[in-house]
Amino acid sequence: DESCGKCTPCREGTKQLLKILTRITKGEGT
């Protein structure tokens, strides 16, 4: 939420990590 979005590694990396972690907490992870 606090990423300024200027650089791709942070902007996209935090987004994808959050997706994976959310998936795992829902029992949908691998």
PDB file of all heavy atoms in Angstrom:
ATOM      1  N   ASP A   1       0.822  -1.213   0.000  1.00  0.00           N
ATOM      2  CA  ASP A   1       0.000   0.000   0.000  1.00  0.00           C
ATOM      3  C   ASP A   1       0.855   1.262   0.000  1.00  0.00           C
ATOM      4  O   ASP A   1       0.466   2.283  -0.573  1.00  0.00           O
ATOM      5  CB  ASP A   1      -0.929   0.017   1.215  1.00  0.00           C
ATOM      6  CG  ASP A   1      -2.029  -1.018   1.126  1.00  0.00           C
ATOM      7  OD1 ASP A   1      -2.265  -1.525   0.005  1.00  0.00           O
ATOM      8  OD2 ASP A   1      -2.654  -1.324   2.153  1.00  0.00           O
ATOM      9  N   GLU A   2       2.020   1.198   0.660  1.00  0.00           N
ATOM     10  CA  GLU A   2       2.856   2.389   0.802  1.00  0.00           C
ATOM     11  C   GLU A   2       3.906   2.529  -0.295  1.00  0.00           C
ATOM     12  O   GLU A   2       4.621   3.528  -0.331  1.00  0.00           O
ATOM     13  CB  GLU A   2       3.550   2.375   2.170  1.00  0.00           C
ATOM     14  CG  GLU A   2       2.592   2.541   3.344  1.00  0.00           C
ATOM     15  CD  GLU A   2       1.906   3.898   3.361  1.00  0.00           C
ATOM     16  OE1 GLU A   2       2.476   4.861   2.820  1.00  0.00           O
ATOM     17  OE2 GLU A   2       0.797   4.001   3.921  1.00  0.00           O
ATOM     18  N   SER A   3       4.025   1.546  -1.156  1.00  0.00           N
ATOM     19  CA  SER A   3       4.974   1.652  -2.265  1.00  0.00           C
ATOM     20  C   SER A   3       4.599   2.824  -3.157  1.00  0.00           C
ATOM     21  O   SER A   3       3.427   2.992  -3.515  1.00  0.00           O
ATOM     22  CB  SER A   3       4.991   0.358  -3.080  1.00  0.00           C
ATOM     23  OG  SER A   3       5.772   0.512  -4.251  1.00  0.00           O
ATOM     24  N   CYS A   4       5.579   3.624  -3.515  1.00  0.00           N
ATOM     25  CA  CYS A   4       5.281   4.790  -4.364  1.00  0.00           C
ATOM     26  C   CYS A   4       5.025   4.376  -5.806  1.00  0.00           C
ATOM     27  O   CYS A   4       4.471   5.149  -6.589  1.00  0.00           O
ATOM     28  CB  CYS A   4       6.417   5.801  -4.301  1.00  0.00           C
ATOM     29  SG  CYS A   4       7.919   5.286  -5.177  1.00  0.00           S
ATOM     30  N   GLY A   5       5.463   3.164  -6.187  1.00  0.00           N
ATOM     31  CA  GLY A   5       5.201   2.661  -7.529  1.00  0.00           C
ATOM     32  C   GLY A   5       6.184   3.100  -8.583  1.00  0.00           C
ATOM     33  O   GLY A   5       6.012   2.788  -9.762  1.00  0.00           O
ATOM     34  N   LYS A   6       7.238   3.805  -8.181  1.00  0.00           N
ATOM     35  CA  LYS A   6       8.158   4.335  -9.175  1.00  0.00           C
ATOM     36  C   LYS A   6       8.981   3.232  -9.837  1.00  0.00           C
ATOM     37  O   LYS A   6       9.209   3.260 -11.043  1.00  0.00           O
ATOM     38  CB  LYS A   6       9.091   5.366  -8.527  1.00  0.00           C
ATOM     39  CG  LYS A   6      10.050   6.016  -9.519  1.00  0.00           C
ATOM     40  CD  LYS A   6      10.864   7.110  -8.866  1.00  0.00           C
ATOM     41  CE  LYS A   6      11.774   7.796  -9.880  1.00  0.00           C
ATOM     42  NZ  LYS A   6      12.558   8.901  -9.287  1.00  0.00           N
ATOM     43  N   CYS A   7       9.433   2.254  -9.049  1.00  0.00           N
ATOM     44  CA  CYS A   7      10.275   1.211  -9.634  1.00  0.00           C
ATOM     45  C   CYS A   7       9.513  -0.107  -9.725  1.00  0.00           C
ATOM     46  O   CYS A   7       8.718  -0.458  -8.851  1.00  0.00           O
ATOM     47  CB  CYS A   7      11.580   1.036  -8.852  1.00  0.00           C
ATOM     48  SG  CYS A   7      11.422   0.223  -7.249  1.00  0.00           S
ATOM     49  N   THR A   8       9.764  -0.854 -10.782  1.00  0.00           N
ATOM     50  CA  THR A   8       9.041  -2.097 -11.053  1.00  0.00           C
ATOM     51  C   THR A   8       9.274  -3.174  -9.999  1.00  0.00           C
ATOM     52  O   THR A   8       8.314  -3.843  -9.592  1.00  0.00           O
ATOM     53  CB  THR A   8       9.416  -2.625 -12.450  1.00  0.00           C
ATOM     54  OG1 THR A   8       9.121  -1.630 -13.420  1.00  0.00           O
ATOM     55  CG2 THR A   8       8.649  -3.897 -12.774  1.00  0.00           C
ATOM     56  N   PRO A   9      10.506  -3.404  -9.526  1.00  0.00           N
ATOM     57  CA  PRO A   9      10.702  -4.483  -8.549  1.00  0.00           C
ATOM     58  C   PRO A   9       9.841  -4.329  -7.302  1.00  0.00           C
ATOM     59  O   PRO A   9       9.266  -5.311  -6.822  1.00  0.00           O
ATOM     60  CB  PRO A   9      12.197  -4.373  -8.215  1.00  0.00           C
ATOM     61  CG  PRO A   9      12.809  -3.766  -9.419  1.00  0.00           C
ATOM     62  CD  PRO A   9      11.798  -2.797  -9.923  1.00  0.00           C
ATOM     63  N   CYS A  10       9.713  -3.120  -6.797  1.00  0.00           N
ATOM     64  CA  CYS A  10       8.903  -2.895  -5.604  1.00  0.00           C
ATOM     65  C   CYS A  10       7.420  -2.886  -5.946  1.00  0.00           C
ATOM     66  O   CYS A  10       6.614  -3.547  -5.279  1.00  0.00           O
ATOM     67  CB  CYS A  10       9.313  -1.585  -4.933  1.00  0.00           C
ATOM     68  SG  CYS A  10       8.345  -1.178  -3.466  1.00  0.00           S
ATOM     69  N   ARG A  11       7.043  -2.163  -6.966  1.00  0.00           N
ATOM     70  CA  ARG A  11       5.627  -2.031  -7.334  1.00  0.00           C
ATOM     71  C   ARG A  11       5.009  -3.387  -7.649  1.00  0.00           C
ATOM     72  O   ARG A  11       3.967  -3.752  -7.107  1.00  0.00           O
ATOM     73  CB  ARG A  11       5.488  -1.101  -8.541  1.00  0.00           C
ATOM     74  CG  ARG A  11       4.044  -0.857  -8.964  1.00  0.00           C
ATOM     75  CD  ARG A  11       3.969  -0.021 -10.228  1.00  0.00           C
ATOM     76  NE  ARG A  11       4.498  -0.688 -11.401  1.00  0.00           N
ATOM     77  CZ  ARG A  11       5.592  -0.325 -12.055  1.00  0.00           C
ATOM     78  NH1 ARG A  11       6.273   0.734 -11.660  1.00  0.00           N
ATOM     79  NH2 ARG A  11       6.020  -1.002 -13.115  1.00  0.00           N
ATOM     80  N   GLU A  12       5.652  -4.145  -8.528  1.00  0.00           N
ATOM     81  CA  GLU A  12       5.111  -5.439  -8.936  1.00  0.00           C
ATOM     82  C   GLU A  12       5.475  -6.550  -7.953  1.00  0.00           C
ATOM     83  O   GLU A  12       4.711  -7.489  -7.760  1.00  0.00           O
ATOM     84  CB  GLU A  12       5.607  -5.799 -10.344  1.00  0.00           C
ATOM     85  CG  GLU A  12       5.145  -4.822 -11.407  1.00  0.00           C
ATOM     86  CD  GLU A  12       3.631  -4.742 -11.486  1.00  0.00           C
ATOM     87  OE1 GLU A  12       2.955  -5.778 -11.343  1.00  0.00           O
ATOM     88  OE2 GLU A  12       3.114  -3.624 -11.676  1.00  0.00           O
ATOM     89  N   GLY A  13       6.658  -6.432  -7.344  1.00  0.00           N
ATOM     90  CA  GLY A  13       7.089  -7.471  -6.417  1.00  0.00           C
ATOM     91  C   GLY A  13       6.206  -7.561  -5.184  1.00  0.00           C
ATOM     92  O   GLY A  13       5.785  -8.648  -4.775  1.00  0.00           O
ATOM     93  N   THR A  14       5.892  -6.407  -4.581  1.00  0.00           N
ATOM     94  CA  THR A  14       5.024  -6.432  -3.408  1.00  0.00           C
ATOM     95  C   THR A  14       3.622  -6.924  -3.783  1.00  0.00           C
ATOM     96  O   THR A  14       2.981  -7.640  -3.011  1.00  0.00           O
ATOM     97  CB  THR A  14       4.925  -5.032  -2.772  1.00  0.00           C
ATOM     98  OG1 THR A  14       4.505  -4.073  -3.760  1.00  0.00           O
ATOM     99  CG2 THR A  14       6.249  -4.610  -2.169  1.00  0.00           C
ATOM    100  N   LYS A  15       3.167  -6.556  -4.982  1.00  0.00           N
ATOM    101  CA  LYS A  15       1.843  -6.985  -5.434  1.00  0.00           C
ATOM    102  C   LYS A  15       1.780  -8.503  -5.565  1.00  0.00           C
ATOM    103  O   LYS A  15       0.828  -9.153  -5.093  1.00  0.00           O
ATOM    104  CB  LYS A  15       1.519  -6.319  -6.772  1.00  0.00           C
ATOM    105  CG  LYS A  15       0.163  -6.691  -7.350  1.00  0.00           C
ATOM    106  CD  LYS A  15      -0.057  -5.970  -8.678  1.00  0.00           C
ATOM    107  CE  LYS A  15      -1.408  -6.338  -9.287  1.00  0.00           C
ATOM    108  NZ  LYS A  15      -1.619  -5.617 -10.584  1.00  0.00           N
ATOM    109  N   GLN A  16       2.789  -9.093  -6.188  1.00  0.00           N
ATOM    110  CA  GLN A  16       2.781 -10.543  -6.406  1.00  0.00           C
ATOM    111  C   GLN A  16       3.029 -11.310  -5.111  1.00  0.00           C
ATOM    112  O   GLN A  16       2.393 -12.353  -4.874  1.00  0.00           O
ATOM    113  CB  GLN A  16       3.834 -10.918  -7.460  1.00  0.00           C
ATOM    114  CG  GLN A  16       3.572 -10.342  -8.849  1.00  0.00           C
ATOM    115  CD  GLN A  16       2.190 -10.700  -9.369  1.00  0.00           C
ATOM    116  OE1 GLN A  16       1.712 -11.817  -9.198  1.00  0.00           O
ATOM    117  NE2 GLN A  16       1.531  -9.737 -10.021  1.00  0.00           N
ATOM    118  N   LEU A  17       3.900 -10.811  -4.259  1.00  0.00           N
ATOM    119  CA  LEU A  17       4.125 -11.463  -2.971  1.00  0.00           C
ATOM    120  C   LEU A  17       2.848 -11.466  -2.140  1.00  0.00           C
ATOM    121  O   LEU A  17       2.517 -12.471  -1.491  1.00  0.00           O
ATOM    122  CB  LEU A  17       5.242 -10.751  -2.203  1.00  0.00           C
ATOM    123  CG  LEU A  17       6.681 -11.117  -2.553  1.00  0.00           C
ATOM    124  CD1 LEU A  17       7.649 -10.237  -1.757  1.00  0.00           C
ATOM    125  CD2 LEU A  17       6.969 -12.584  -2.285  1.00  0.00           C
ATOM    126  N   LEU A  18       2.142 -10.343  -2.140  1.00  0.00           N
ATOM    127  CA  LEU A  18       0.897 -10.258  -1.382  1.00  0.00           C
ATOM    128  C   LEU A  18      -0.139 -11.236  -1.931  1.00  0.00           C
ATOM    129  O   LEU A  18      -0.868 -11.881  -1.161  1.00  0.00           O
ATOM    130  CB  LEU A  18       0.357  -8.825  -1.425  1.00  0.00           C
ATOM    131  CG  LEU A  18      -0.934  -8.565  -0.644  1.00  0.00           C
ATOM    132  CD1 LEU A  18      -0.754  -8.927   0.833  1.00  0.00           C
ATOM    133  CD2 LEU A  18      -1.351  -7.108  -0.785  1.00  0.00           C
ATOM    134  N   LYS A  19      -0.211 -11.371  -3.246  1.00  0.00           N
ATOM    135  CA  LYS A  19      -1.141 -12.323  -3.852  1.00  0.00           C
ATOM    136  C   LYS A  19      -0.843 -13.744  -3.402  1.00  0.00           C
ATOM    137  O   LYS A  19      -1.741 -14.522  -3.049  1.00  0.00           O
ATOM    138  CB  LYS A  19      -1.064 -12.237  -5.380  1.00  0.00           C
ATOM    139  CG  LYS A  19      -1.856 -11.097  -6.000  1.00  0.00           C
ATOM    140  CD  LYS A  19      -1.820 -11.204  -7.516  1.00  0.00           C
ATOM    141  CE  LYS A  19      -2.679 -10.117  -8.162  1.00  0.00           C
ATOM    142  NZ  LYS A  19      -2.677 -10.248  -9.649  1.00  0.00           N
ATOM    143  N   ILE A  20       0.436 -14.102  -3.404  1.00  0.00           N
ATOM    144  CA  ILE A  20       0.826 -15.462  -3.026  1.00  0.00           C
ATOM    145  C   ILE A  20       0.522 -15.713  -1.552  1.00  0.00           C
ATOM    146  O   ILE A  20      -0.046 -16.751  -1.186  1.00  0.00           O
ATOM    147  CB  ILE A  20       2.326 -15.685  -3.306  1.00  0.00           C
ATOM    148  CG1 ILE A  20       2.596 -15.606  -4.807  1.00  0.00           C
ATOM    149  CG2 ILE A  20       2.772 -17.043  -2.765  1.00  0.00           C
ATOM    150  CD1 ILE A  20       4.068 -15.642  -5.177  1.00  0.00           C
ATOM    151  N   LEU A  21       0.899 -14.765  -0.690  1.00  0.00           N
ATOM    152  CA  LEU A  21       0.656 -14.932   0.744  1.00  0.00           C
ATOM    153  C   LEU A  21      -0.839 -15.016   1.056  1.00  0.00           C
ATOM    154  O   LEU A  21      -1.272 -15.811   1.900  1.00  0.00           O
ATOM    155  CB  LEU A  21       1.299 -13.780   1.519  1.00  0.00           C
ATOM    156  CG  LEU A  21       2.820 -13.828   1.629  1.00  0.00           C
ATOM    157  CD1 LEU A  21       3.365 -12.489   2.110  1.00  0.00           C
ATOM    158  CD2 LEU A  21       3.262 -14.938   2.573  1.00  0.00           C
ATOM    159  N   THR A  22      -1.626 -14.201   0.377  1.00  0.00           N
ATOM    160  CA  THR A  22      -3.077 -14.251   0.573  1.00  0.00           C
ATOM    161  C   THR A  22      -3.632 -15.600   0.142  1.00  0.00           C
ATOM    162  O   THR A  22      -4.492 -16.175   0.814  1.00  0.00           O
ATOM    163  CB  THR A  22      -3.762 -13.115  -0.210  1.00  0.00           C
ATOM    164  OG1 THR A  22      -3.237 -11.851   0.219  1.00  0.00           O
ATOM    165  CG2 THR A  22      -5.261 -13.129   0.013  1.00  0.00           C
ATOM    166  N   ARG A  23      -3.109 -16.099  -0.958  1.00  0.00           N
ATOM    167  CA  ARG A  23      -3.536 -17.406  -1.449  1.00  0.00           C
ATOM    168  C   ARG A  23      -3.203 -18.509  -0.432  1.00  0.00           C
ATOM    169  O   ARG A  23      -4.019 -19.404  -0.182  1.00  0.00           O
ATOM    170  CB  ARG A  23      -2.827 -17.680  -2.780  1.00  0.00           C
ATOM    171  CG  ARG A  23      -3.600 -18.579  -3.711  1.00  0.00           C
ATOM    172  CD  ARG A  23      -3.108 -18.490  -5.134  1.00  0.00           C
ATOM    173  NE  ARG A  23      -1.695 -18.801  -5.265  1.00  0.00           N
ATOM    174  CZ  ARG A  23      -0.834 -18.067  -5.950  1.00  0.00           C
ATOM    175  NH1 ARG A  23      -1.225 -16.964  -6.528  1.00  0.00           N
ATOM    176  NH2 ARG A  23       0.430 -18.424  -6.048  1.00  0.00           N
ATOM    177  N   ILE A  24      -2.032 -18.420   0.159  1.00  0.00           N
ATOM    178  CA  ILE A  24      -1.621 -19.433   1.132  1.00  0.00           C
ATOM    179  C   ILE A  24      -2.500 -19.384   2.368  1.00  0.00           C
ATOM    180  O   ILE A  24      -2.906 -20.425   2.904  1.00  0.00           O
ATOM    181  CB  ILE A  24      -0.139 -19.238   1.508  1.00  0.00           C
ATOM    182  CG1 ILE A  24       0.758 -19.551   0.304  1.00  0.00           C
ATOM    183  CG2 ILE A  24       0.249 -20.132   2.690  1.00  0.00           C
ATOM    184  CD1 ILE A  24       2.227 -19.250   0.538  1.00  0.00           C
ATOM    185  N   THR A  25      -2.831 -18.184   2.841  1.00  0.00           N
ATOM    186  CA  THR A  25      -3.676 -18.078   4.037  1.00  0.00           C
ATOM    187  C   THR A  25      -5.103 -18.553   3.776  1.00  0.00           C
ATOM    188  O   THR A  25      -5.846 -18.833   4.715  1.00  0.00           O
ATOM    189  CB  THR A  25      -3.721 -16.629   4.563  1.00  0.00           C
ATOM    190  OG1 THR A  25      -4.248 -15.765   3.542  1.00  0.00           O
ATOM    191  CG2 THR A  25      -2.344 -16.152   4.981  1.00  0.00           C
ATOM    192  N   LYS A  26      -5.477 -18.658   2.512  1.00  0.00           N
ATOM    193  CA  LYS A  26      -6.810 -19.170   2.161  1.00  0.00           C
ATOM    194  C   LYS A  26      -6.802 -20.669   1.876  1.00  0.00           C
ATOM    195  O   LYS A  26      -7.832 -21.244   1.529  1.00  0.00           O
ATOM    196  CB  LYS A  26      -7.345 -18.432   0.924  1.00  0.00           C
ATOM    197  CG  LYS A  26      -7.709 -16.981   1.178  1.00  0.00           C
ATOM    198  CD  LYS A  26      -8.258 -16.339  -0.090  1.00  0.00           C
ATOM    199  CE  LYS A  26      -8.691 -14.907   0.163  1.00  0.00           C
ATOM    200  NZ  LYS A  26      -9.224 -14.271  -1.070  1.00  0.00           N
ATOM    201  N   GLY A  27      -5.615 -21.286   1.995  1.00  0.00           N
ATOM    202  CA  GLY A  27      -5.523 -22.710   1.718  1.00  0.00           C
ATOM    203  C   GLY A  27      -5.390 -23.033   0.258  1.00  0.00           C
ATOM    204  O   GLY A  27      -5.605 -24.176  -0.162  1.00  0.00           O
ATOM    205  N   GLU A  28      -5.029 -22.052  -0.564  1.00  0.00           N
ATOM    206  CA  GLU A  28      -4.940 -22.248  -2.008  1.00  0.00           C
ATOM    207  C   GLU A  28      -3.499 -22.246  -2.500  1.00  0.00           C
ATOM    208  O   GLU A  28      -3.247 -22.261  -3.700  1.00  0.00           O
ATOM    209  CB  GLU A  28      -5.729 -21.151  -2.725  1.00  0.00           C
ATOM    210  CG  GLU A  28      -7.206 -21.109  -2.336  1.00  0.00           C
ATOM    211  CD  GLU A  28      -7.902 -19.853  -2.829  1.00  0.00           C
ATOM    212  OE1 GLU A  28      -7.219 -18.994  -3.448  1.00  0.00           O
ATOM    213  OE2 GLU A  28      -9.115 -19.708  -2.596  1.00  0.00           O
ATOM    214  N   GLY A  29      -2.553 -22.220  -1.581  1.00  0.00           N
ATOM    215  CA  GLY A  29      -1.146 -22.154  -1.957  1.00  0.00           C
ATOM    216  C   GLY A  29      -0.567 -23.517  -2.278  1.00  0.00           C
ATOM    217  O   GLY A  29      -1.139 -24.557  -1.950  1.00  0.00           O
ATOM    218  N   THR A  30       0.598 -23.511  -2.941  1.00  0.00           N
ATOM    219  CA  THR A  30       1.303 -24.742  -3.284  1.00  0.00           C
ATOM    220  C   THR A  30       2.740 -24.639  -2.792  1.00  0.00           C
ATOM    221  O   THR A  30       3.230 -23.549  -2.468  1.00  0.00           O
ATOM    222  CB  THR A  30       1.306 -24.978  -4.801  1.00  0.00           C
ATOM    223  OG1 THR A  30       2.061 -23.922  -5.436  1.00  0.00           O
ATOM    224  CG2 THR A  30      -0.112 -24.983  -5.353  1.00  0.00           C
TER     225      THR A  30
END
